[in-house]
Amino acid sequence: MNREELIKKWLDNNLNTEELKAFEQLEDYRDLIQMDGTLKSFKAPEFSVENNYNKLKSKLNTQKSTSWLKPLVRVAAVLAICFCVYYYTTTLDSEVNTLIAQQTEVVLPDYSVIELNSNSKISFNRSSWDDDRIVHLDGEAFFRVEKGQKFDVITKQGVISVLGTQFNVKHREDYFEVICFEGSVKVVSNAIEAILKPGDTFQYVDGKLIANEKEQSVHPDWMRGESNFKNIALKHVFRELQNQYDITISAKNIDVSRSFTGSFTHKNLKLALQSITIPLNLTYTKTDNTIVLRSE
């Protein structure tokens, strides 16, 4: 990968481990990092990076290279990159995605931590974080929030607001759930507002608010490698199974609105399928990555 491609991926916060090592070997690496840090301390005037850089580039291409011109070219290039850094760091959100059967940990600028479950996505803005601690979530995540000003988690089905606490948010199709493990959590969803204390759950599934018993565990079940359900429609159970394993479930002749209470492991597909099918008197066949379910 050439120098220009490395710099572009660095600006996008999209370097993998090998590319990062290559970027750190660039001759002007320290200049770029120093400029990046300095740039965040002032507000740049209105400036079109692409237009000015292209003008500079066209002029340089028409001039004969001389030894005294090289330092000037380097300074001009660094300045252009710094304006690019300013633009990207102040306007673009950082985004983290997980694939099926993948989990990851994200450390936020204030050292709050997000544990992201499989097939999920978060986004946040690093440059405005000191003023607005806002995370957009699609999927499921566990949050350990450092104390400070208000921290908001925004989903399509509701907003969760906290100061310093630990909680889990699950936002899937027609499924919205918030569990408070420490501190207190404010949830606003579908014109309903609730304050959750440790052990409290807010669950809104298929357009209905569901009452739940106190949660006794100190972490969500998925962090221990399993999914648990209490009187939840089978369609949500199947969707979560597909999030944890790289499979497709065919249940054409199954009543997926039927309630299920139970759990399945994330570490053994055969055992997970048995945990669901046996209590419901279902059978299944597996062909490649497709699971076909049938009623006995």
Protein backbone atom coordinates (compact mmCIF):
# COMPACT_ATOMS: atom_id res chain seq x y z
CA MET A 1 0.00 0.00 0.00
CA ASN A 2 1.45 3.38 -1.00
CA ARG A 3 1.86 6.43 1.23
CA GLU A 4 -1.26 8.23 -0.01
CA GLU A 5 -3.52 5.23 0.62
CA LEU A 6 -2.10 4.79 4.14
CA ILE A 7 -2.77 8.45 4.99
CA LYS A 8 -6.33 8.26 3.65
CA LYS A 9 -7.09 5.16 5.71
CA TRP A 10 -5.52 6.85 8.77
CA LEU A 11 -7.81 9.84 8.31
CA ASP A 12 -10.78 7.44 8.18
CA ASN A 13 -9.60 5.66 11.38
CA ASN A 14 -9.62 2.49 9.28
CA LEU A 15 -6.07 1.10 9.55
CA ASN A 16 -5.64 -2.55 10.48
CA THR A 17 -2.68 -3.69 12.60
CA GLU A 18 -0.29 -4.25 9.69
CA GLU A 19 -1.27 -1.00 7.98
CA LEU A 20 -0.81 0.91 11.24
CA LYS A 21 2.74 -0.40 11.52
CA ALA A 22 3.43 0.67 7.95
CA PHE A 23 1.94 4.11 8.65
CA GLU A 24 4.18 4.51 11.71
CA GLN A 25 7.20 3.89 9.49
CA LEU A 26 6.43 6.88 7.26
CA GLU A 27 9.19 9.49 7.26
CA ASP A 28 6.85 12.28 8.38
CA TYR A 29 4.80 10.15 10.80
CA ARG A 30 5.73 12.25 13.84
CA ASP A 31 4.89 15.47 11.97
CA LEU A 32 1.44 14.11 11.09
CA ILE A 33 0.69 13.01 14.65
CA GLN A 34 1.95 16.30 16.12
CA MET A 35 -0.10 18.33 13.67
CA ASP A 36 -3.17 16.20 14.46
CA GLY A 37 -2.85 16.97 18.17
CA THR A 38 -2.14 20.65 17.66
CA LEU A 39 -5.00 21.07 15.23
CA LYS A 40 -7.59 20.01 17.80
CA SER A 41 -6.73 23.02 19.97
CA PHE A 42 -7.87 25.65 17.48
CA LYS A 43 -10.73 26.23 15.09
CA ALA A 44 -9.74 26.40 11.46
CA PRO A 45 -11.13 29.09 9.14
CA GLU A 46 -13.30 28.17 6.19
CA PHE A 47 -11.00 26.33 3.82
CA SER A 48 -11.52 24.00 0.87
CA VAL A 49 -8.87 21.33 1.26
CA GLU A 50 -9.43 19.64 -2.08
CA ASN A 51 -9.50 22.85 -4.15
CA ASN A 52 -6.41 24.35 -2.57
CA TYR A 53 -4.53 21.09 -2.57
CA ASN A 54 -5.34 20.47 -6.25
CA LYS A 55 -4.19 24.00 -7.15
CA LEU A 56 -0.96 23.47 -5.26
CA LYS A 57 -0.47 20.07 -6.86
CA SER A 58 -1.02 21.38 -10.40
CA LYS A 59 1.47 24.19 -9.85
CA LEU A 60 4.06 21.86 -8.44
CA ASN A 61 3.66 19.50 -11.40
CA THR A 62 4.45 22.32 -13.84
CA GLN A 63 7.56 23.45 -12.00
CA LYS A 64 10.96 21.87 -12.19
CA SER A 65 11.87 20.21 -8.92
CA THR A 66 14.78 21.83 -7.08
CA SER A 67 16.49 21.00 -3.82
CA TRP A 68 15.24 24.17 -2.08
CA LEU A 69 11.64 23.40 -3.08
CA LYS A 70 11.43 20.01 -1.35
CA PRO A 71 11.06 21.34 2.24
CA LEU A 72 8.33 23.72 1.06
CA VAL A 73 6.46 20.88 -0.63
CA ARG A 74 6.61 18.82 2.54
CA VAL A 75 5.27 21.67 4.69
CA ALA A 76 2.46 22.32 2.20
CA ALA A 77 1.54 18.63 2.15
CA VAL A 78 1.50 18.44 5.94
CA LEU A 79 -0.72 21.53 6.17
CA ALA A 80 -3.14 20.09 3.63
CA ILE A 81 -3.29 16.83 5.56
CA CYS A 82 -3.90 18.72 8.80
CA PHE A 83 -6.92 20.44 7.33
CA CYS A 84 -8.15 17.03 6.21
CA VAL A 85 -7.66 15.72 9.74
CA TYR A 86 -9.63 18.64 11.13
CA TYR A 87 -12.48 17.98 8.73
CA TYR A 88 -12.66 14.26 9.40
CA THR A 89 -12.31 14.48 13.18
CA THR A 90 -14.98 17.17 13.54
CA THR A 91 -17.61 15.94 11.11
CA LEU A 92 -17.42 12.16 10.85
CA ASP A 93 -18.61 9.67 13.44
CA SER A 94 -16.58 6.70 14.60
CA GLU A 95 -18.43 3.48 13.80
CA VAL A 96 -17.89 -0.05 15.08
CA ASN A 97 -19.64 -3.12 13.65
CA THR A 98 -19.63 -6.76 14.70
CA LEU A 99 -20.34 -9.72 12.45
CA ILE A 100 -22.42 -12.79 13.23
CA ALA A 101 -20.90 -14.74 16.14
CA GLN A 102 -18.47 -11.86 16.83
CA GLN A 103 -18.18 -9.70 19.94
CA THR A 104 -15.89 -6.78 20.64
CA GLU A 105 -15.00 -4.19 23.28
CA VAL A 106 -15.00 -0.45 22.55
CA VAL A 107 -13.37 2.12 24.85
CA LEU A 108 -14.92 5.57 24.52
CA PRO A 109 -13.02 8.88 24.88
CA ASP A 110 -14.02 9.20 28.57
CA TYR A 111 -12.96 5.57 29.21
CA SER A 112 -16.52 4.33 29.36
CA VAL A 113 -16.64 0.82 27.92
CA ILE A 114 -19.06 -0.81 25.51
CA GLU A 115 -19.22 -4.59 25.07
CA LEU A 116 -20.81 -5.08 21.65
CA ASN A 117 -22.74 -8.28 20.99
CA SER A 118 -22.82 -10.07 17.63
CA ASN A 119 -24.38 -8.51 14.52
CA SER A 120 -24.53 -5.07 16.14
CA LYS A 121 -23.38 -1.53 15.37
CA ILE A 122 -22.57 1.62 17.35
CA SER A 123 -21.50 5.09 16.26
CA PHE A 124 -20.32 8.18 18.17
CA ASN A 125 -18.44 11.43 17.55
CA ARG A 126 -15.04 11.66 19.22
CA SER A 127 -14.51 15.39 18.64
CA SER A 128 -17.77 16.46 20.32
CA TRP A 129 -17.66 13.81 23.05
CA ASP A 130 -16.74 16.23 25.85
CA ASP A 131 -19.92 18.20 25.13
CA ASP A 132 -22.29 15.41 24.09
CA ARG A 133 -21.84 11.82 25.22
CA ILE A 134 -24.13 10.22 22.63
CA VAL A 135 -23.97 6.70 21.23
CA HIS A 136 -26.22 5.39 18.46
CA LEU A 137 -26.94 1.67 18.74
CA ASP A 138 -28.43 -0.90 16.41
CA GLY A 139 -28.23 -4.35 17.97
CA GLU A 140 -27.18 -5.24 21.52
CA ALA A 141 -24.52 -3.87 23.84
CA PHE A 142 -23.54 -3.73 27.50
CA PHE A 143 -22.43 -0.32 28.80
CA ARG A 144 -20.13 0.58 31.70
CA VAL A 145 -20.44 4.35 31.86
CA GLU A 146 -17.97 6.58 33.68
CA LYS A 147 -19.49 9.30 35.85
CA GLY A 148 -19.89 12.70 34.20
CA GLN A 149 -22.49 14.61 32.30
CA LYS A 150 -25.49 12.90 30.72
CA PHE A 151 -24.78 9.85 28.59
CA ASP A 152 -27.42 8.98 25.95
CA VAL A 153 -27.87 5.76 24.01
CA ILE A 154 -30.13 6.34 21.02
CA THR A 155 -31.97 3.55 19.20
CA LYS A 156 -34.86 3.62 16.75
CA GLN A 157 -37.21 2.37 19.47
CA GLY A 158 -36.12 4.49 22.42
CA VAL A 159 -33.55 6.61 24.23
CA ILE A 160 -31.64 5.59 27.36
CA SER A 161 -30.13 8.36 29.54
CA VAL A 162 -27.69 7.86 32.41
CA LEU A 163 -24.92 9.55 34.40
CA GLY A 164 -22.68 6.71 35.59
CA THR A 165 -23.95 3.15 35.58
CA GLN A 166 -23.92 -0.30 33.99
CA PHE A 167 -26.75 -1.47 31.77
CA ASN A 168 -27.57 -3.59 28.73
CA VAL A 169 -29.55 -2.47 25.69
CA LYS A 170 -30.98 -4.82 23.09
CA HIS A 171 -32.55 -3.32 19.99
CA ARG A 172 -33.61 -5.76 17.31
CA GLU A 173 -36.61 -5.87 14.97
CA ASP A 174 -39.79 -5.43 17.11
CA TYR A 175 -37.68 -6.08 20.21
CA PHE A 176 -36.43 -3.42 22.64
CA GLU A 177 -35.00 -4.26 26.06
CA VAL A 178 -33.03 -2.38 28.69
CA ILE A 179 -31.68 -4.00 31.87
CA CYS A 180 -30.07 -1.92 34.63
CA PHE A 181 -27.25 -3.60 36.56
CA GLU A 182 -25.85 -0.64 38.51
CA GLY A 183 -26.90 2.96 39.22
CA SER A 184 -30.09 4.15 37.53
CA VAL A 185 -31.29 4.38 33.95
CA LYS A 186 -33.95 6.55 32.35
CA VAL A 187 -35.74 4.98 29.38
CA VAL A 188 -38.10 6.79 27.01
CA SER A 189 -39.83 4.59 24.43
CA ASN A 190 -43.18 4.65 22.65
CA ALA A 191 -44.40 7.56 24.81
CA ILE A 192 -43.52 5.57 27.95
CA GLU A 193 -40.95 6.84 30.46
CA ALA A 194 -39.40 4.64 33.12
CA ILE A 195 -36.62 4.94 35.71
CA LEU A 196 -34.80 1.66 36.19
CA LYS A 197 -32.86 0.67 39.30
CA PRO A 198 -30.47 -2.29 39.62
CA GLY A 199 -32.28 -5.47 38.56
CA ASP A 200 -35.09 -3.64 36.75
CA THR A 201 -35.93 -4.43 33.12
CA PHE A 202 -37.78 -2.44 30.48
CA GLN A 203 -38.98 -4.75 27.72
CA TYR A 204 -41.14 -3.69 24.78
CA VAL A 205 -41.72 -6.58 22.36
CA ASP A 206 -44.08 -6.74 19.38
CA GLY A 207 -45.78 -3.52 20.47
CA LYS A 208 -46.39 -4.64 24.06
CA LEU A 209 -44.77 -3.65 27.35
CA ILE A 210 -43.79 -6.81 29.23
CA ALA A 211 -43.52 -7.07 33.01
CA ASN A 212 -40.42 -8.86 34.28
CA GLU A 213 -39.08 -10.17 37.54
CA LYS A 214 -35.96 -8.65 39.08
CA GLU A 215 -32.75 -9.56 37.27
CA GLN A 216 -30.41 -11.35 39.68
CA SER A 217 -27.23 -11.59 37.60
CA VAL A 218 -24.54 -8.88 37.51
CA HIS A 219 -23.93 -9.08 33.76
CA PRO A 220 -26.12 -9.88 30.75
CA ASP A 221 -26.40 -13.55 29.82
CA TRP A 222 -24.82 -13.10 26.38
CA MET A 223 -21.53 -12.08 28.00
CA ARG A 224 -21.48 -15.54 29.61
CA GLY A 225 -22.07 -17.19 26.25
CA GLU A 226 -25.81 -17.86 26.27
CA SER A 227 -29.19 -16.30 25.44
CA ASN A 228 -32.19 -16.53 27.79
CA PHE A 229 -35.86 -15.92 27.04
CA LYS A 230 -39.01 -15.71 29.16
CA ASN A 231 -42.30 -16.07 27.27
CA ILE A 232 -40.83 -14.62 24.08
CA ALA A 233 -42.17 -15.39 20.59
CA LEU A 234 -40.13 -18.01 18.73
CA LYS A 235 -39.36 -15.61 15.89
CA HIS A 236 -37.14 -13.57 18.25
CA VAL A 237 -35.45 -16.72 19.52
CA PHE A 238 -34.68 -17.84 15.96
CA ARG A 239 -33.33 -14.40 15.02
CA GLU A 240 -31.00 -14.41 18.01
CA LEU A 241 -29.84 -17.92 17.15
CA GLN A 242 -28.95 -16.66 13.67
CA ASN A 243 -27.04 -13.75 15.24
CA GLN A 244 -24.87 -16.13 17.24
CA TYR A 245 -24.29 -18.75 14.54
CA ASP A 246 -23.67 -18.43 10.81
CA ILE A 247 -26.90 -20.21 9.86
CA THR A 248 -30.26 -19.63 8.19
CA ILE A 249 -33.37 -21.02 9.86
CA SER A 250 -36.33 -22.20 7.80
CA ALA A 251 -39.51 -22.50 9.89
CA LYS A 252 -42.25 -22.33 7.25
CA ASN A 253 -44.62 -24.73 8.99
CA ILE A 254 -43.85 -23.56 12.53
CA ASP A 255 -45.96 -21.10 14.51
CA VAL A 256 -43.24 -18.52 15.22
CA SER A 257 -45.59 -16.48 17.43
CA ARG A 258 -45.59 -19.36 19.91
CA SER A 259 -43.99 -18.41 23.24
CA PHE A 260 -40.69 -19.88 24.35
CA THR A 261 -39.07 -19.93 27.78
CA GLY A 262 -35.55 -21.26 27.95
CA SER A 263 -32.00 -20.64 26.84
CA PHE A 264 -29.36 -21.73 24.35
CA THR A 265 -25.58 -21.71 24.35
CA HIS A 266 -23.44 -19.68 21.93
CA LYS A 267 -20.67 -22.28 21.87
CA ASN A 268 -22.29 -25.44 20.49
CA LEU A 269 -24.84 -25.28 17.66
CA LYS A 270 -26.12 -28.83 18.10
CA LEU A 271 -26.74 -28.30 21.81
CA ALA A 272 -28.34 -24.91 21.12
CA LEU A 273 -30.78 -26.45 18.61
CA GLN A 274 -31.67 -29.23 21.01
CA SER A 275 -32.35 -26.70 23.77
CA ILE A 276 -35.00 -25.08 21.58
CA THR A 277 -36.49 -28.00 19.62
CA ILE A 278 -36.85 -30.65 22.32
CA PRO A 279 -39.08 -28.59 24.71
CA LEU A 280 -41.29 -27.61 21.76
CA ASN A 281 -41.47 -31.09 20.20
CA LEU A 282 -39.75 -29.93 17.02
CA THR A 283 -37.29 -31.75 14.79
CA TYR A 284 -34.65 -30.30 12.50
CA THR A 285 -32.39 -31.19 9.61
CA LYS A 286 -29.17 -29.38 8.74
CA THR A 287 -27.89 -28.90 5.21
CA ASP A 288 -24.75 -26.79 4.97
CA ASN A 289 -25.70 -23.61 6.89
CA THR A 290 -29.47 -24.04 6.63
CA ILE A 291 -31.57 -25.44 9.48
CA VAL A 292 -35.06 -26.69 8.53
CA LEU A 293 -37.46 -27.03 11.46
CA ARG A 294 -40.53 -29.26 11.49
CA SER A 295 -43.29 -30.14 13.94
CA GLU A 296 -43.31 -33.75 15.09
